[in-house]
């Protein structure tokens, strides 16, 4: 990678390449986190809801019976920041 000395300029192609690499890296990381965050929709009640076999009333009833879910991650702000970058 080109490392400019003081006073040098960075070639445009280098800037474009670096930007694209960062975008691709961010997209891969975002995809992985999204898959982890929504993995509950891959099976069980989450899959039934995603397929349209459960409505919001049924989900509310399940939530009342089961109580609060376990906190699985402290990355809520991170998700919001990543999503807001693309909005």
Foldseek 3Di string as FASTA:
>chain_A
DDDDDPPDDDDPVVVVVVVVVVVVVLVVVLVVVVCVVLVVLVDDPNVCVVVVNDDPVNVVVVCVVPDDDDDDDPCPVVNVVSVVVVD
